[in-house]
């Protein structure tokens, strides 16, 4: 078992050592969950989000509504097809 020591600031902040961040696979701007175990120990784990928690995280496109979604997909597919066609040399 490896141990890492970190100080607590006056604001209650703690720097998570690089080896621990690497082990958890987290970095900026990821979130960490502190798990208080019944036996008194504390575990850190990467925060896993549900779809409900992610709702609204990306702002809506201005001037668009959700009813435009199928149109947006079609538009994106047409733009990608045009991009591919323009990048393909003529034979």
PDB file of N, CA and C in Angstrom:
ATOM      1  N   UNK A   1       0.847  -1.173   0.000  1.00  0.00           N
ATOM      2  CA  UNK A   1       0.000   0.000   0.000  1.00  0.00           C
ATOM      3  C   UNK A   1       0.895   1.238   0.000  1.00  0.00           C
ATOM      4  N   UNK A   2       0.590   2.195  -0.903  1.00  0.00           N
ATOM      5  CA  UNK A   2       1.335   3.451  -0.944  1.00  0.00           C
ATOM      6  C   UNK A   2       0.502   4.535  -0.269  1.00  0.00           C
ATOM      7  N   UNK A   3       1.161   5.452   0.390  1.00  0.00           N
ATOM      8  CA  UNK A   3       0.480   6.548   1.053  1.00  0.00           C
ATOM      9  C   UNK A   3       1.005   7.867   0.522  1.00  0.00           C
ATOM     10  N   UNK A   4       0.127   8.856   0.435  1.00  0.00           N
ATOM     11  CA  UNK A   4       0.487  10.188  -0.026  1.00  0.00           C
ATOM     12  C   UNK A   4      -0.048  11.191   0.982  1.00  0.00           C
ATOM     13  N   UNK A   5       0.757  12.177   1.339  1.00  0.00           N
ATOM     14  CA  UNK A   5       0.364  13.192   2.307  1.00  0.00           C
ATOM     15  C   UNK A   5       0.120  14.501   1.578  1.00  0.00           C
ATOM     16  N   UNK A   6      -0.961  15.183   1.949  1.00  0.00           N
ATOM     17  CA  UNK A   6      -1.297  16.474   1.364  1.00  0.00           C
ATOM     18  C   UNK A   6      -1.845  17.354   2.468  1.00  0.00           C
ATOM     19  N   UNK A   7      -1.612  18.652   2.376  1.00  0.00           N
ATOM     20  CA  UNK A   7      -2.083  19.595   3.396  1.00  0.00           C
ATOM     21  C   UNK A   7      -3.468  20.129   3.056  1.00  0.00           C
ATOM     22  N   UNK A   8      -4.207  20.504   4.100  1.00  0.00           N
ATOM     23  CA  UNK A   8      -5.514  21.119   3.935  1.00  0.00           C
ATOM     24  C   UNK A   8      -5.332  22.626   4.111  1.00  0.00           C
ATOM     25  N   UNK A   9      -5.850  23.416   3.152  1.00  0.00           N
ATOM     26  CA  UNK A   9      -5.742  24.870   3.245  1.00  0.00           C
ATOM     27  C   UNK A   9      -6.801  25.418   4.190  1.00  0.00           C
ATOM     28  N   UNK A  10      -6.718  26.718   4.478  1.00  0.00           N
ATOM     29  CA  UNK A  10      -7.704  27.354   5.357  1.00  0.00           C
ATOM     30  C   UNK A  10      -9.100  27.326   4.740  1.00  0.00           C
ATOM     31  N   UNK A  11      -9.179  27.154   3.421  1.00  0.00           N
ATOM     32  CA  UNK A  11     -10.471  27.055   2.735  1.00  0.00           C
ATOM     33  C   UNK A  11     -10.954  25.608   2.638  1.00  0.00           C
ATOM     34  N   UNK A  12     -10.217  24.666   3.220  1.00  0.00           N
ATOM     35  CA  UNK A  12     -10.611  23.265   3.179  1.00  0.00           C
ATOM     36  C   UNK A  12     -10.217  22.569   1.892  1.00  0.00           C
ATOM     37  N   UNK A  13      -9.340  23.171   1.120  1.00  0.00           N
ATOM     38  CA  UNK A  13      -8.915  22.589  -0.146  1.00  0.00           C
ATOM     39  C   UNK A  13      -7.697  21.694   0.053  1.00  0.00           C
ATOM     40  N   UNK A  14      -7.636  20.654  -0.758  1.00  0.00           N
ATOM     41  CA  UNK A  14      -6.526  19.707  -0.706  1.00  0.00           C
ATOM     42  C   UNK A  14      -6.039  19.471  -2.131  1.00  0.00           C
ATOM     43  N   UNK A  15      -4.740  19.460  -2.323  1.00  0.00           N
ATOM     44  CA  UNK A  15      -4.185  19.101  -3.626  1.00  0.00           C
ATOM     45  C   UNK A  15      -4.097  17.586  -3.696  1.00  0.00           C
ATOM     46  N   UNK A  16      -4.693  17.021  -4.736  1.00  0.00           N
ATOM     47  CA  UNK A  16      -4.620  15.569  -4.917  1.00  0.00           C
ATOM     48  C   UNK A  16      -3.293  15.273  -5.607  1.00  0.00           C
ATOM     49  N   UNK A  17      -2.447  14.462  -4.988  1.00  0.00           N
ATOM     50  CA  UNK A  17      -1.137  14.178  -5.575  1.00  0.00           C
ATOM     51  C   UNK A  17      -1.247  13.628  -7.002  1.00  0.00           C
ATOM     52  N   UNK A  18      -0.263  13.960  -7.826  1.00  0.00           N
ATOM     53  CA  UNK A  18      -0.268  13.564  -9.242  1.00  0.00           C
ATOM     54  C   UNK A  18      -0.429  12.061  -9.413  1.00  0.00           C
ATOM     55  N   UNK A  19       0.229  11.266  -8.577  1.00  0.00           N
ATOM     56  CA  UNK A  19       0.136   9.808  -8.702  1.00  0.00           C
ATOM     57  C   UNK A  19      -1.297   9.328  -8.468  1.00  0.00           C
ATOM     58  N   UNK A  20      -2.020   9.988  -7.555  1.00  0.00           N
ATOM     59  CA  UNK A  20      -3.408   9.614  -7.266  1.00  0.00           C
ATOM     60  C   UNK A  20      -4.299  10.039  -8.429  1.00  0.00           C
ATOM     61  N   UNK A  21      -4.086  11.268  -8.954  1.00  0.00           N
ATOM     62  CA  UNK A  21      -4.875  11.715 -10.109  1.00  0.00           C
ATOM     63  C   UNK A  21      -4.664  10.781 -11.289  1.00  0.00           C
ATOM     64  N   UNK A  22      -3.419  10.373 -11.521  1.00  0.00           N
ATOM     65  CA  UNK A  22      -3.122   9.455 -12.626  1.00  0.00           C
ATOM     66  C   UNK A  22      -3.813   8.118 -12.400  1.00  0.00           C
ATOM     67  N   UNK A  23      -3.762   7.613 -11.183  1.00  0.00           N
ATOM     68  CA  UNK A  23      -4.392   6.330 -10.845  1.00  0.00           C
ATOM     69  C   UNK A  23      -5.905   6.382 -11.077  1.00  0.00           C
ATOM     70  N   UNK A  24      -6.525   7.522 -10.730  1.00  0.00           N
ATOM     71  CA  UNK A  24      -7.968   7.678 -10.907  1.00  0.00           C
ATOM     72  C   UNK A  24      -8.342   8.053 -12.338  1.00  0.00           C
ATOM     73  N   UNK A  25      -7.351   8.502 -13.110  1.00  0.00           N
ATOM     74  CA  UNK A  25      -7.618   8.916 -14.483  1.00  0.00           C
ATOM     75  C   UNK A  25      -8.377  10.225 -14.554  1.00  0.00           C
ATOM     76  N   UNK A  26      -8.073  11.150 -13.634  1.00  0.00           N
ATOM     77  CA  UNK A  26      -8.765  12.431 -13.602  1.00  0.00           C
ATOM     78  C   UNK A  26      -7.785  13.579 -13.797  1.00  0.00           C
ATOM     79  N   UNK A  27      -8.324  14.686 -14.236  1.00  0.00           N
ATOM     80  CA  UNK A  27      -7.551  15.906 -14.406  1.00  0.00           C
ATOM     81  C   UNK A  27      -8.513  17.067 -14.466  1.00  0.00           C
ATOM     82  N   UNK A  28      -8.003  18.208 -14.869  1.00  0.00           N
ATOM     83  CA  UNK A  28      -8.836  19.404 -14.986  1.00  0.00           C
ATOM     84  C   UNK A  28      -9.786  19.229 -16.154  1.00  0.00           C
ATOM     85  N   UNK A  29     -11.026  19.483 -16.078  1.00  0.00           N
ATOM     86  CA  UNK A  29     -11.850  19.970 -14.960  1.00  0.00           C
ATOM     87  C   UNK A  29     -12.703  18.863 -14.346  1.00  0.00           C
ATOM     88  N   UNK A  30     -12.184  17.634 -14.296  1.00  0.00           N
ATOM     89  CA  UNK A  30     -12.958  16.508 -13.772  1.00  0.00           C
ATOM     90  C   UNK A  30     -13.383  16.744 -12.327  1.00  0.00           C
ATOM     91  N   UNK A  31     -14.332  15.953 -11.883  1.00  0.00           N
ATOM     92  CA  UNK A  31     -14.816  16.024 -10.505  1.00  0.00           C
ATOM     93  C   UNK A  31     -14.478  14.717  -9.788  1.00  0.00           C
ATOM     94  N   UNK A  32     -14.323  14.825  -8.477  1.00  0.00           N
ATOM     95  CA  UNK A  32     -13.999  13.689  -7.614  1.00  0.00           C
ATOM     96  C   UNK A  32     -15.134  13.496  -6.620  1.00  0.00           C
ATOM     97  N   UNK A  33     -15.482  12.251  -6.346  1.00  0.00           N
ATOM     98  CA  UNK A  33     -16.476  11.926  -5.331  1.00  0.00           C
ATOM     99  C   UNK A  33     -15.755  11.369  -4.106  1.00  0.00           C
ATOM    100  N   UNK A  34     -16.085  11.901  -2.935  1.00  0.00           N
ATOM    101  CA  UNK A  34     -15.558  11.383  -1.676  1.00  0.00           C
ATOM    102  C   UNK A  34     -16.595  10.412  -1.129  1.00  0.00           C
ATOM    103  N   UNK A  35     -16.179   9.189  -0.858  1.00  0.00           N
ATOM    104  CA  UNK A  35     -17.087   8.159  -0.357  1.00  0.00           C
ATOM    105  C   UNK A  35     -16.734   7.880   1.102  1.00  0.00           C
ATOM    106  N   UNK A  36     -17.677   8.171   2.017  1.00  0.00           N
ATOM    107  CA  UNK A  36     -17.462   7.885   3.435  1.00  0.00           C
ATOM    108  C   UNK A  36     -17.955   6.469   3.712  1.00  0.00           C
ATOM    109  N   UNK A  37     -17.025   5.589   4.022  1.00  0.00           N
ATOM    110  CA  UNK A  37     -17.361   4.191   4.286  1.00  0.00           C
ATOM    111  C   UNK A  37     -17.876   4.026   5.717  1.00  0.00           C
ATOM    112  N   UNK A  38     -18.680   2.994   5.946  1.00  0.00           N
ATOM    113  CA  UNK A  38     -19.232   2.727   7.278  1.00  0.00           C
ATOM    114  C   UNK A  38     -18.143   2.453   8.304  1.00  0.00           C
ATOM    115  N   UNK A  39     -16.993   1.944   7.843  1.00  0.00           N
ATOM    116  CA  UNK A  39     -15.907   1.616   8.770  1.00  0.00           C
ATOM    117  C   UNK A  39     -15.047   2.829   9.120  1.00  0.00           C
ATOM    118  N   UNK A  40     -15.426   4.031   8.618  1.00  0.00           N
ATOM    119  CA  UNK A  40     -14.707   5.257   8.945  1.00  0.00           C
ATOM    120  C   UNK A  40     -13.690   5.686   7.904  1.00  0.00           C
ATOM    121  N   UNK A  41     -13.400   4.828   6.939  1.00  0.00           N
ATOM    122  CA  UNK A  41     -12.431   5.210   5.918  1.00  0.00           C
ATOM    123  C   UNK A  41     -13.109   6.070   4.857  1.00  0.00           C
ATOM    124  N   UNK A  42     -12.289   6.780   4.102  1.00  0.00           N
ATOM    125  CA  UNK A  42     -12.775   7.642   3.035  1.00  0.00           C
ATOM    126  C   UNK A  42     -12.101   7.203   1.743  1.00  0.00           C
ATOM    127  N   UNK A  43     -12.884   7.074   0.696  1.00  0.00           N
ATOM    128  CA  UNK A  43     -12.339   6.690  -0.609  1.00  0.00           C
ATOM    129  C   UNK A  43     -12.615   7.816  -1.604  1.00  0.00           C
ATOM    130  N   UNK A  44     -11.719   7.977  -2.558  1.00  0.00           N
ATOM    131  CA  UNK A  44     -11.909   8.917  -3.659  1.00  0.00           C
ATOM    132  C   UNK A  44     -12.195   8.114  -4.910  1.00  0.00           C
ATOM    133  N   UNK A  45     -13.111   8.628  -5.717  1.00  0.00           N
ATOM    134  CA  UNK A  45     -13.355   7.979  -6.997  1.00  0.00           C
ATOM    135  C   UNK A  45     -13.781   9.038  -8.004  1.00  0.00           C
ATOM    136  N   UNK A  46     -13.516   8.784  -9.277  1.00  0.00           N
ATOM    137  CA  UNK A  46     -13.971   9.739 -10.292  1.00  0.00           C
ATOM    138  C   UNK A  46     -15.489   9.826 -10.258  1.00  0.00           C
ATOM    139  N   UNK A  47     -16.021  11.025 -10.440  1.00  0.00           N
ATOM    140  CA  UNK A  47     -17.463  11.213 -10.453  1.00  0.00           C
ATOM    141  C   UNK A  47     -18.019  10.729 -11.781  1.00  0.00           C
ATOM    142  N   UNK A  48     -19.058   9.925 -11.702  1.00  0.00           N
ATOM    143  CA  UNK A  48     -19.745   9.444 -12.897  1.00  0.00           C
ATOM    144  C   UNK A  48     -21.058  10.195 -12.992  1.00  0.00           C
ATOM    145  N   UNK A  49     -21.319  10.762 -14.155  1.00  0.00           N
ATOM    146  CA  UNK A  49     -22.536  11.544 -14.347  1.00  0.00           C
ATOM    147  C   UNK A  49     -23.607  10.705 -15.013  1.00  0.00           C
ATOM    148  N   UNK A  50     -24.846  10.997 -14.661  1.00  0.00           N
ATOM    149  CA  UNK A  50     -25.986  10.389 -15.339  1.00  0.00           C
ATOM    150  C   UNK A  50     -26.453  11.352 -16.428  1.00  0.00           C
ATOM    151  N   UNK A  51     -27.242  10.875 -17.338  1.00  0.00           N
ATOM    152  CA  UNK A  51     -27.795  11.729 -18.392  1.00  0.00           C
ATOM    153  C   UNK A  51     -28.571  12.885 -17.775  1.00  0.00           C
ATOM    154  N   UNK A  52     -29.321  12.617 -16.722  1.00  0.00           N
ATOM    155  CA  UNK A  52     -30.112  13.674 -16.066  1.00  0.00           C
ATOM    156  C   UNK A  52     -29.200  14.780 -15.538  1.00  0.00           C
ATOM    157  N   UNK A  53     -28.042  14.431 -14.963  1.00  0.00           N
ATOM    158  CA  UNK A  53     -27.126  15.426 -14.438  1.00  0.00           C
ATOM    159  C   UNK A  53     -26.480  16.246 -15.555  1.00  0.00           C
ATOM    160  N   UNK A  54     -26.331  15.662 -16.726  1.00  0.00           N
ATOM    161  CA  UNK A  54     -25.689  16.354 -17.843  1.00  0.00           C
ATOM    162  C   UNK A  54     -26.644  17.258 -18.611  1.00  0.00           C
ATOM    163  N   UNK A  55     -27.928  17.101 -18.370  1.00  0.00           N
ATOM    164  CA  UNK A  55     -28.921  17.898 -19.099  1.00  0.00           C
ATOM    165  C   UNK A  55     -28.650  19.380 -18.894  1.00  0.00           C
ATOM    166  N   UNK A  56     -28.581  20.106 -20.003  1.00  0.00           N
ATOM    167  CA  UNK A  56     -28.377  21.543 -19.952  1.00  0.00           C
ATOM    168  C   UNK A  56     -26.930  21.980 -19.860  1.00  0.00           C
ATOM    169  N   UNK A  57     -25.996  21.040 -19.821  1.00  0.00           N
ATOM    170  CA  UNK A  57     -24.584  21.395 -19.684  1.00  0.00           C
ATOM    171  C   UNK A  57     -24.057  22.085 -20.939  1.00  0.00           C
ATOM    172  N   UNK A  58     -24.629  21.736 -22.092  1.00  0.00           N
ATOM    173  CA  UNK A  58     -24.262  22.384 -23.345  1.00  0.00           C
ATOM    174  C   UNK A  58     -25.393  23.333 -23.717  1.00  0.00           C
ATOM    175  N   UNK A  59     -25.062  24.601 -23.918  1.00  0.00           N
ATOM    176  CA  UNK A  59     -26.138  25.546 -24.229  1.00  0.00           C
ATOM    177  C   UNK A  59     -26.779  25.232 -25.571  1.00  0.00           C
ATOM    178  N   UNK A  60     -28.057  25.533 -25.670  1.00  0.00           N
ATOM    179  CA  UNK A  60     -28.785  25.312 -26.918  1.00  0.00           C
ATOM    180  C   UNK A  60     -28.259  26.266 -27.986  1.00  0.00           C
ATOM    181  N   UNK A  61     -28.368  25.845 -29.231  1.00  0.00           N
ATOM    182  CA  UNK A  61     -27.999  26.713 -30.336  1.00  0.00           C
ATOM    183  C   UNK A  61     -29.021  27.837 -30.423  1.00  0.00           C
ATOM    184  N   UNK A  62     -28.536  29.052 -30.558  1.00  0.00           N
ATOM    185  CA  UNK A  62     -29.463  30.166 -30.618  1.00  0.00           C
ATOM    186  C   UNK A  62     -30.304  30.074 -31.888  1.00  0.00           C
ATOM    187  N   UNK A  63     -31.560  30.404 -31.748  1.00  0.00           N
ATOM    188  CA  UNK A  63     -32.464  30.375 -32.888  1.00  0.00           C
ATOM    189  C   UNK A  63     -32.949  28.995 -33.269  1.00  0.00           C
ATOM    190  N   UNK A  64     -32.632  27.975 -32.490  1.00  0.00           N
ATOM    191  CA  UNK A  64     -33.056  26.604 -32.785  1.00  0.00           C
ATOM    192  C   UNK A  64     -33.928  26.084 -31.654  1.00  0.00           C
ATOM    193  N   UNK A  65     -34.806  25.162 -31.989  1.00  0.00           N
ATOM    194  CA  UNK A  65     -35.620  24.484 -30.975  1.00  0.00           C
ATOM    195  C   UNK A  65     -35.354  22.991 -31.093  1.00  0.00           C
ATOM    196  N   UNK A  66     -35.796  22.238 -30.109  1.00  0.00           N
ATOM    197  CA  UNK A  66     -35.580  20.795 -30.155  1.00  0.00           C
ATOM    198  C   UNK A  66     -36.330  20.154 -31.307  1.00  0.00           C
ATOM    199  N   UNK A  67     -37.379  20.809 -31.785  1.00  0.00           N
ATOM    200  CA  UNK A  67     -38.110  20.250 -32.926  1.00  0.00           C
ATOM    201  C   UNK A  67     -37.268  20.330 -34.200  1.00  0.00           C
ATOM    202  N   UNK A  68     -36.211  21.158 -34.181  1.00  0.00           N
ATOM    203  CA  UNK A  68     -35.313  21.277 -35.327  1.00  0.00           C
ATOM    204  C   UNK A  68     -34.260  20.168 -35.361  1.00  0.00           C
ATOM    205  N   UNK A  69     -34.268  19.267 -34.391  1.00  0.00           N
ATOM    206  CA  UNK A  69     -33.186  18.299 -34.250  1.00  0.00           C
ATOM    207  C   UNK A  69     -32.976  17.453 -35.509  1.00  0.00           C
ATOM    208  N   UNK A  70     -34.048  16.931 -36.072  1.00  0.00           N
ATOM    209  CA  UNK A  70     -33.918  16.122 -37.296  1.00  0.00           C
ATOM    210  C   UNK A  70     -33.353  16.962 -38.430  1.00  0.00           C
ATOM    211  N   UNK A  71     -33.790  18.210 -38.517  1.00  0.00           N
ATOM    212  CA  UNK A  71     -33.253  19.118 -39.536  1.00  0.00           C
ATOM    213  C   UNK A  71     -31.761  19.360 -39.314  1.00  0.00           C
ATOM    214  N   UNK A  72     -31.351  19.489 -38.056  1.00  0.00           N
ATOM    215  CA  UNK A  72     -29.944  19.721 -37.738  1.00  0.00           C
ATOM    216  C   UNK A  72     -29.094  18.515 -38.149  1.00  0.00           C
ATOM    217  N   UNK A  73     -29.605  17.320 -37.921  1.00  0.00           N
ATOM    218  CA  UNK A  73     -28.881  16.108 -38.323  1.00  0.00           C
ATOM    219  C   UNK A  73     -28.735  16.075 -39.836  1.00  0.00           C
ATOM    220  N   UNK A  74     -29.817  16.319 -40.529  1.00  0.00           N
ATOM    221  CA  UNK A  74     -29.792  16.323 -41.989  1.00  0.00           C
ATOM    222  C   UNK A  74     -28.814  17.377 -42.515  1.00  0.00           C
ATOM    223  N   UNK A  75     -28.842  18.556 -41.939  1.00  0.00           N
ATOM    224  CA  UNK A  75     -27.953  19.645 -42.337  1.00  0.00           C
ATOM    225  C   UNK A  75     -26.489  19.261 -42.111  1.00  0.00           C
ATOM    226  N   UNK A  76     -26.198  18.655 -40.959  1.00  0.00           N
ATOM    227  CA  UNK A  76     -24.831  18.238 -40.655  1.00  0.00           C
ATOM    228  C   UNK A  76     -24.360  17.154 -41.620  1.00  0.00           C
ATOM    229  N   UNK A  77     -25.253  16.235 -41.976  1.00  0.00           N
ATOM    230  CA  UNK A  77     -24.886  15.171 -42.918  1.00  0.00           C
ATOM    231  C   UNK A  77     -24.601  15.754 -44.305  1.00  0.00           C
ATOM    232  N   UNK A  78     -25.400  16.723 -44.715  1.00  0.00           N
ATOM    233  CA  UNK A  78     -25.176  17.365 -46.012  1.00  0.00           C
ATOM    234  C   UNK A  78     -23.850  18.129 -46.020  1.00  0.00           C
ATOM    235  N   UNK A  79     -23.556  18.826 -44.933  1.00  0.00           N
ATOM    236  CA  UNK A  79     -22.289  19.566 -44.839  1.00  0.00           C
ATOM    237  C   UNK A  79     -21.093  18.614 -44.881  1.00  0.00           C
ATOM    238  N   UNK A  80     -21.202  17.495 -44.193  1.00  0.00           N
ATOM    239  CA  UNK A  80     -20.108  16.520 -44.187  1.00  0.00           C
ATOM    240  C   UNK A  80     -19.943  15.900 -45.563  1.00  0.00           C
ATOM    241  N   UNK A  81     -21.035  15.579 -46.242  1.00  0.00           N
ATOM    242  CA  UNK A  81     -20.958  15.030 -47.598  1.00  0.00           C
ATOM    243  C   UNK A  81     -20.304  16.033 -48.540  1.00  0.00           C
ATOM    244  N   UNK A  82     -20.658  17.305 -48.412  1.00  0.00           N
ATOM    245  CA  UNK A  82     -20.056  18.341 -49.251  1.00  0.00           C
ATOM    246  C   UNK A  82     -18.568  18.472 -48.965  1.00  0.00           C
ATOM    247  N   UNK A  83     -18.197  18.384 -47.697  1.00  0.00           N
ATOM    248  CA  UNK A  83     -16.776  18.471 -47.321  1.00  0.00           C
ATOM    249  C   UNK A  83     -15.986  17.318 -47.924  1.00  0.00           C
ATOM    250  N   UNK A  84     -16.534  16.108 -47.832  1.00  0.00           N
ATOM    251  CA  UNK A  84     -15.857  14.923 -48.373  1.00  0.00           C
ATOM    252  C   UNK A  84     -15.752  15.013 -49.888  1.00  0.00           C
ATOM    253  N   UNK A  85     -16.833  15.439 -50.517  1.00  0.00           N
ATOM    254  CA  UNK A  85     -16.842  15.566 -51.982  1.00  0.00           C
ATOM    255  C   UNK A  85     -15.813  16.585 -52.429  1.00  0.00           C
ATOM    256  N   UNK A  86     -15.705  17.716 -51.720  1.00  0.00           N
ATOM    257  CA  UNK A  86     -14.743  18.753 -52.098  1.00  0.00           C
ATOM    258  C   UNK A  86     -13.299  18.289 -51.887  1.00  0.00           C
ATOM    259  N   UNK A  87     -13.087  17.396 -50.926  1.00  0.00           N
ATOM    260  CA  UNK A  87     -11.740  16.930 -50.628  1.00  0.00           C
ATOM    261  C   UNK A  87     -11.320  15.753 -51.504  1.00  0.00           C
ATOM    262  N   UNK A  88     -12.266  15.144 -52.220  1.00  0.00           N
ATOM    263  CA  UNK A  88     -11.964  13.985 -53.061  1.00  0.00           C
ATOM    264  C   UNK A  88     -11.530  14.469 -54.437  1.00  0.00           C
ATOM    265  N   UNK A  89     -10.318  14.069 -54.892  1.00  0.00           N
ATOM    266  CA  UNK A  89      -9.855  14.496 -56.218  1.00  0.00           C
ATOM    267  C   UNK A  89     -10.702  13.853 -57.311  1.00  0.00           C
ATOM    268  N   UNK A  90     -10.913  14.624 -58.385  1.00  0.00           N
ATOM    269  CA  UNK A  90     -11.689  14.105 -59.515  1.00  0.00           C
ATOM    270  C   UNK A  90     -10.856  13.090 -60.268  1.00  0.00           C
ATOM    271  N   UNK A  91     -11.528  12.123 -60.883  1.00  0.00           N
ATOM    272  CA  UNK A  91     -10.818  11.076 -61.626  1.00  0.00           C
ATOM    273  C   UNK A  91     -10.892  11.338 -63.100  1.00  0.00           C
TER     274      UNK A  91
END
